[in-house]
N, C-alpha and C. Protein backbone atom coordinates (compact mmCIF):
# COMPACT_ATOMS: atom_id res chain seq x y z
N MET A 1 -2.20 -7.53 4.82
CA MET A 1 -2.22 -6.15 4.43
C MET A 1 -3.52 -5.90 3.66
N ASN A 2 -4.20 -4.84 4.02
CA ASN A 2 -5.48 -4.50 3.44
C ASN A 2 -5.28 -3.36 2.44
N ILE A 3 -5.74 -3.53 1.21
CA ILE A 3 -5.65 -2.49 0.18
C ILE A 3 -7.06 -2.01 -0.13
N THR A 4 -7.30 -0.72 0.09
CA THR A 4 -8.59 -0.11 -0.18
C THR A 4 -8.48 0.75 -1.42
N ILE A 5 -9.32 0.49 -2.41
CA ILE A 5 -9.29 1.23 -3.67
C ILE A 5 -10.62 1.94 -3.83
N SER A 6 -10.56 3.25 -4.08
CA SER A 6 -11.77 4.00 -4.33
C SER A 6 -11.61 4.77 -5.63
N ALA A 7 -12.71 4.91 -6.36
CA ALA A 7 -12.70 5.59 -7.65
C ALA A 7 -13.71 6.73 -7.63
N LYS A 8 -13.29 7.88 -8.13
CA LYS A 8 -14.17 9.03 -8.23
C LYS A 8 -14.34 9.39 -9.70
N ASP A 9 -15.53 9.72 -10.10
CA ASP A 9 -15.85 10.20 -11.44
C ASP A 9 -15.67 9.17 -12.54
N PHE A 10 -15.50 7.90 -12.21
CA PHE A 10 -15.48 6.85 -13.23
C PHE A 10 -15.73 5.51 -12.56
N LYS A 11 -16.04 4.53 -13.38
CA LYS A 11 -16.30 3.18 -12.87
C LYS A 11 -15.00 2.39 -12.82
N LEU A 12 -14.70 1.83 -11.68
CA LEU A 12 -13.49 1.04 -11.48
C LEU A 12 -13.67 -0.33 -12.13
N THR A 13 -12.83 -0.64 -13.09
CA THR A 13 -12.94 -1.93 -13.77
C THR A 13 -12.18 -3.00 -12.99
N PRO A 14 -12.59 -4.24 -13.11
CA PRO A 14 -11.88 -5.32 -12.42
C PRO A 14 -10.42 -5.43 -12.84
N ALA A 15 -10.10 -5.11 -14.08
CA ALA A 15 -8.72 -5.20 -14.56
C ALA A 15 -7.83 -4.18 -13.83
N ILE A 16 -8.30 -2.96 -13.68
CA ILE A 16 -7.51 -1.94 -12.98
C ILE A 16 -7.39 -2.31 -11.51
N LYS A 17 -8.48 -2.78 -10.91
CA LYS A 17 -8.44 -3.17 -9.50
C LYS A 17 -7.43 -4.30 -9.27
N GLU A 18 -7.43 -5.29 -10.14
CA GLU A 18 -6.50 -6.40 -10.03
C GLU A 18 -5.05 -5.93 -10.22
N TYR A 19 -4.85 -5.02 -11.17
CA TYR A 19 -3.51 -4.49 -11.44
C TYR A 19 -2.97 -3.74 -10.22
N ILE A 20 -3.83 -2.94 -9.59
CA ILE A 20 -3.42 -2.18 -8.41
C ILE A 20 -3.14 -3.12 -7.24
N ASP A 21 -4.00 -4.11 -7.03
CA ASP A 21 -3.77 -5.10 -5.97
C ASP A 21 -2.44 -5.81 -6.15
N GLU A 22 -2.18 -6.23 -7.38
CA GLU A 22 -0.94 -6.94 -7.68
C GLU A 22 0.28 -6.05 -7.44
N LYS A 23 0.19 -4.80 -7.88
CA LYS A 23 1.32 -3.88 -7.80
C LYS A 23 1.63 -3.49 -6.35
N PHE A 24 0.60 -3.08 -5.60
CA PHE A 24 0.84 -2.54 -4.27
C PHE A 24 0.93 -3.61 -3.19
N SER A 25 0.57 -4.84 -3.48
CA SER A 25 0.75 -5.90 -2.49
C SER A 25 2.22 -6.21 -2.26
N ARG A 26 3.09 -5.78 -3.18
CA ARG A 26 4.53 -6.00 -3.04
C ARG A 26 5.18 -5.01 -2.07
N LEU A 27 4.47 -3.99 -1.63
CA LEU A 27 5.07 -2.98 -0.75
C LEU A 27 5.42 -3.52 0.63
N GLY A 28 4.81 -4.61 1.04
CA GLY A 28 5.09 -5.18 2.35
C GLY A 28 6.52 -5.66 2.51
N LYS A 29 7.18 -5.96 1.42
CA LYS A 29 8.56 -6.44 1.54
C LYS A 29 9.56 -5.29 1.75
N PHE A 30 9.14 -4.05 1.51
CA PHE A 30 10.04 -2.91 1.69
C PHE A 30 9.99 -2.33 3.10
N HIS A 31 8.89 -2.56 3.79
CA HIS A 31 8.77 -2.14 5.20
C HIS A 31 7.86 -3.15 5.88
N PRO A 32 8.33 -3.81 6.93
CA PRO A 32 7.56 -4.92 7.52
C PRO A 32 6.33 -4.49 8.30
N GLN A 33 6.18 -3.21 8.60
CA GLN A 33 5.08 -2.77 9.45
C GLN A 33 3.93 -2.13 8.68
N VAL A 34 3.81 -2.37 7.40
CA VAL A 34 2.71 -1.81 6.61
C VAL A 34 1.41 -2.43 7.10
N GLN A 35 0.48 -1.57 7.55
CA GLN A 35 -0.79 -2.06 8.06
C GLN A 35 -1.85 -2.12 6.97
N ARG A 36 -2.00 -0.99 6.24
CA ARG A 36 -2.96 -0.97 5.15
C ARG A 36 -2.56 0.09 4.14
N ILE A 37 -3.15 -0.01 2.96
CA ILE A 37 -2.85 0.90 1.87
C ILE A 37 -4.17 1.43 1.32
N GLY A 38 -4.23 2.72 1.13
CA GLY A 38 -5.40 3.36 0.53
C GLY A 38 -5.03 3.95 -0.82
N VAL A 39 -5.83 3.66 -1.83
CA VAL A 39 -5.58 4.17 -3.17
C VAL A 39 -6.85 4.87 -3.65
N GLU A 40 -6.69 6.11 -4.11
CA GLU A 40 -7.82 6.86 -4.65
C GLU A 40 -7.51 7.22 -6.10
N LEU A 41 -8.41 6.84 -6.98
CA LEU A 41 -8.27 7.11 -8.40
C LEU A 41 -9.32 8.14 -8.80
N ASP A 42 -8.93 9.05 -9.69
CA ASP A 42 -9.84 10.11 -10.09
C ASP A 42 -9.54 10.49 -11.53
N VAL A 43 -10.56 10.92 -12.24
CA VAL A 43 -10.40 11.42 -13.60
C VAL A 43 -10.73 12.90 -13.57
N ASP A 44 -9.75 13.74 -13.90
CA ASP A 44 -9.95 15.18 -13.97
C ASP A 44 -10.33 15.53 -15.41
N ARG A 45 -11.46 16.17 -15.56
CA ARG A 45 -11.90 16.57 -16.89
C ARG A 45 -11.82 18.09 -16.98
N ASN A 46 -10.91 18.55 -17.83
CA ASN A 46 -10.73 19.97 -18.04
C ASN A 46 -10.73 20.20 -19.55
N VAL A 47 -11.54 21.11 -19.98
CA VAL A 47 -11.71 21.32 -21.42
C VAL A 47 -10.39 21.71 -22.08
N THR A 48 -9.58 22.54 -21.43
CA THR A 48 -8.36 23.01 -22.07
C THR A 48 -7.23 21.99 -22.02
N LYS A 49 -7.19 21.16 -21.02
CA LYS A 49 -6.08 20.24 -20.86
C LYS A 49 -6.42 18.82 -21.28
N GLY A 50 -7.65 18.52 -21.49
CA GLY A 50 -8.02 17.16 -21.87
C GLY A 50 -8.27 16.30 -20.64
N LYS A 51 -8.22 15.01 -20.83
CA LYS A 51 -8.55 14.04 -19.77
C LYS A 51 -7.28 13.61 -19.06
N LYS A 52 -7.23 13.77 -17.76
CA LYS A 52 -6.07 13.36 -16.96
C LYS A 52 -6.53 12.39 -15.88
N ASN A 53 -5.70 11.42 -15.60
CA ASN A 53 -5.98 10.45 -14.54
C ASN A 53 -5.10 10.76 -13.35
N ARG A 54 -5.71 10.85 -12.18
CA ARG A 54 -5.00 11.19 -10.96
C ARG A 54 -5.03 10.00 -10.01
N ILE A 55 -3.92 9.77 -9.32
CA ILE A 55 -3.84 8.71 -8.31
C ILE A 55 -3.22 9.28 -7.05
N GLU A 56 -3.80 8.94 -5.92
CA GLU A 56 -3.27 9.28 -4.60
C GLU A 56 -3.14 7.98 -3.82
N VAL A 57 -2.00 7.77 -3.19
CA VAL A 57 -1.75 6.54 -2.44
C VAL A 57 -1.30 6.90 -1.04
N TRP A 58 -1.90 6.24 -0.04
CA TRP A 58 -1.52 6.40 1.36
C TRP A 58 -1.13 5.03 1.89
N VAL A 59 0.03 4.96 2.52
CA VAL A 59 0.48 3.73 3.17
C VAL A 59 0.52 4.02 4.66
N TYR A 60 -0.27 3.26 5.42
CA TYR A 60 -0.41 3.49 6.85
C TYR A 60 0.53 2.56 7.62
N LEU A 61 1.42 3.18 8.39
CA LEU A 61 2.35 2.48 9.27
C LEU A 61 1.99 2.86 10.70
N PRO A 62 2.46 2.15 11.70
CA PRO A 62 2.18 2.54 13.07
C PRO A 62 2.76 3.93 13.37
N GLY A 63 1.91 4.90 13.62
CA GLY A 63 2.35 6.24 13.98
C GLY A 63 2.79 7.11 12.83
N ARG A 64 2.61 6.66 11.60
CA ARG A 64 3.08 7.44 10.45
C ARG A 64 2.29 7.05 9.21
N THR A 65 2.12 8.03 8.32
CA THR A 65 1.47 7.79 7.04
C THR A 65 2.37 8.30 5.93
N VAL A 66 2.59 7.47 4.94
CA VAL A 66 3.39 7.84 3.76
C VAL A 66 2.42 8.04 2.62
N GLU A 67 2.59 9.15 1.88
CA GLU A 67 1.67 9.40 0.79
C GLU A 67 2.39 9.91 -0.45
N ALA A 68 1.77 9.66 -1.60
CA ALA A 68 2.29 10.15 -2.87
C ALA A 68 1.12 10.23 -3.85
N GLY A 69 1.25 11.10 -4.82
CA GLY A 69 0.21 11.24 -5.83
C GLY A 69 0.75 11.91 -7.07
N LEU A 70 0.03 11.72 -8.17
CA LEU A 70 0.42 12.36 -9.42
C LEU A 70 -0.69 12.22 -10.44
N LYS A 71 -0.51 12.89 -11.58
CA LYS A 71 -1.44 12.80 -12.70
C LYS A 71 -0.70 12.22 -13.90
N ALA A 72 -1.42 11.46 -14.70
CA ALA A 72 -0.85 10.88 -15.91
C ALA A 72 -1.94 10.77 -16.97
N GLU A 73 -1.52 10.43 -18.16
CA GLU A 73 -2.45 10.34 -19.29
C GLU A 73 -3.34 9.09 -19.18
N HIS A 74 -2.79 7.98 -18.72
CA HIS A 74 -3.54 6.73 -18.59
C HIS A 74 -3.45 6.24 -17.15
N MET A 75 -4.45 5.47 -16.71
CA MET A 75 -4.51 5.03 -15.32
C MET A 75 -3.38 4.06 -14.98
N ARG A 76 -3.08 3.13 -15.84
CA ARG A 76 -1.97 2.20 -15.57
C ARG A 76 -0.64 2.92 -15.52
N GLU A 77 -0.48 3.93 -16.35
CA GLU A 77 0.74 4.74 -16.33
C GLU A 77 0.86 5.46 -14.99
N ALA A 78 -0.25 5.98 -14.47
CA ALA A 78 -0.25 6.66 -13.18
C ALA A 78 0.16 5.69 -12.07
N VAL A 79 -0.36 4.48 -12.11
CA VAL A 79 0.00 3.46 -11.11
C VAL A 79 1.48 3.14 -11.19
N ASP A 80 1.98 2.97 -12.41
CA ASP A 80 3.39 2.63 -12.60
C ASP A 80 4.32 3.77 -12.16
N LEU A 81 3.88 5.01 -12.29
CA LEU A 81 4.73 6.14 -11.92
C LEU A 81 4.70 6.44 -10.42
N VAL A 82 3.59 6.16 -9.76
CA VAL A 82 3.49 6.46 -8.33
C VAL A 82 4.13 5.36 -7.47
N TYR A 83 4.19 4.15 -7.99
CA TYR A 83 4.75 3.03 -7.22
C TYR A 83 6.20 3.27 -6.78
N PRO A 84 7.11 3.73 -7.66
CA PRO A 84 8.49 3.97 -7.20
C PRO A 84 8.59 5.07 -6.14
N LYS A 85 7.70 6.05 -6.20
CA LYS A 85 7.71 7.11 -5.18
C LYS A 85 7.43 6.52 -3.80
N ILE A 86 6.40 5.71 -3.71
CA ILE A 86 6.04 5.09 -2.43
C ILE A 86 7.13 4.12 -2.00
N GLU A 87 7.66 3.35 -2.94
CA GLU A 87 8.70 2.39 -2.62
C GLU A 87 9.93 3.08 -2.03
N ARG A 88 10.36 4.19 -2.64
CA ARG A 88 11.52 4.92 -2.14
C ARG A 88 11.30 5.42 -0.72
N GLN A 89 10.10 5.93 -0.46
CA GLN A 89 9.81 6.44 0.88
C GLN A 89 9.82 5.32 1.91
N LEU A 90 9.27 4.17 1.56
CA LEU A 90 9.24 3.05 2.50
C LEU A 90 10.64 2.50 2.76
N VAL A 91 11.46 2.42 1.72
CA VAL A 91 12.84 1.93 1.89
C VAL A 91 13.60 2.88 2.81
N LYS A 92 13.43 4.18 2.60
CA LYS A 92 14.12 5.17 3.43
C LYS A 92 13.68 5.05 4.90
N LEU A 93 12.37 4.92 5.12
CA LEU A 93 11.88 4.77 6.50
C LEU A 93 12.41 3.50 7.14
N ASN A 94 12.46 2.41 6.38
CA ASN A 94 12.95 1.15 6.93
C ASN A 94 14.44 1.25 7.26
N GLU A 95 15.21 1.91 6.40
CA GLU A 95 16.64 2.08 6.69
C GLU A 95 16.85 2.94 7.93
N GLU A 96 16.04 3.99 8.10
CA GLU A 96 16.15 4.82 9.31
C GLU A 96 15.78 4.01 10.55
N ARG A 97 14.75 3.19 10.43
CA ARG A 97 14.32 2.36 11.56
C ARG A 97 15.42 1.37 11.96
N LEU A 98 16.04 0.75 10.97
CA LEU A 98 17.11 -0.21 11.24
C LEU A 98 18.33 0.49 11.80
N ALA A 99 18.65 1.69 11.34
CA ALA A 99 19.79 2.44 11.86
C ALA A 99 19.57 2.80 13.33
N ARG A 100 18.35 3.16 13.70
CA ARG A 100 18.06 3.46 15.11
C ARG A 100 18.20 2.21 15.96
N ARG A 101 17.78 1.07 15.43
CA ARG A 101 17.92 -0.18 16.18
C ARG A 101 19.38 -0.55 16.39
N ARG A 102 20.21 -0.24 15.41
CA ARG A 102 21.62 -0.57 15.50
C ARG A 102 22.42 0.48 16.29
N GLY A 103 21.76 1.57 16.65
CA GLY A 103 22.41 2.57 17.47
C GLY A 103 23.26 3.56 16.70
N ARG A 104 22.93 3.81 15.45
CA ARG A 104 23.69 4.76 14.64
C ARG A 104 23.00 6.06 14.53
């Protein structure tokens, strides 16, 4: 499984890159057909709202793409909050796939 991480408006540190690799490499166990994962990190700077970290995640499956995104105060918090969203979507897709195989 290939994980592509891109950063906009800030420098991607090795610690964040390693954390994301470690976190999202576990997604393969929720759906066996995960081909690759794309992660985009961004820092939104708005004078009235302060500094926000945004994360967008795309999981590429054969014939389908699952995506989720959100904003959080810290980058690790954003990663931790978006992971369950992607996990839920992959589990649901896998259950639907298995139900079709079983003829339900």
